[in-house]
Amino acid sequence: MQDDIHYTTTPPYYGSEEERKRRLEELQAVAKKERDWADLFHHDSWEHPVDIALALHRGDTQSVDILNVRNRGAIRQLPDERIVEVPVLISNGV
């Protein structure tokens, strides 16, 4: 465990009740065309799939603190085909 990361051990795992309520309101506003969908990416997020997709597409280099990937030797004690959650460096879109 890292001292600078808060680990939730009981549901709900993502955000506080207030954060989840606010996020739902934002999504509903987008659905009603009262808010631009791009605004959804201008906040702190629990996950960053769009950032990762853009780095892969553009060939960028980006560090990702936690990502679920095939093990491929990241944790030697586990088989390569297992999915593990580890820090990842996307380099030149790979």
Foldseek 3Di string as FASTA:
>chain_A
DDPVDDADDDPPGFDDPVVVVVLVVVVVCVVVVVDPPVVNPPDDGPDDPVVLVCCLVVQHKDKDAWDWDQPCPVPVVDDRRDTDIGIDIQGRND
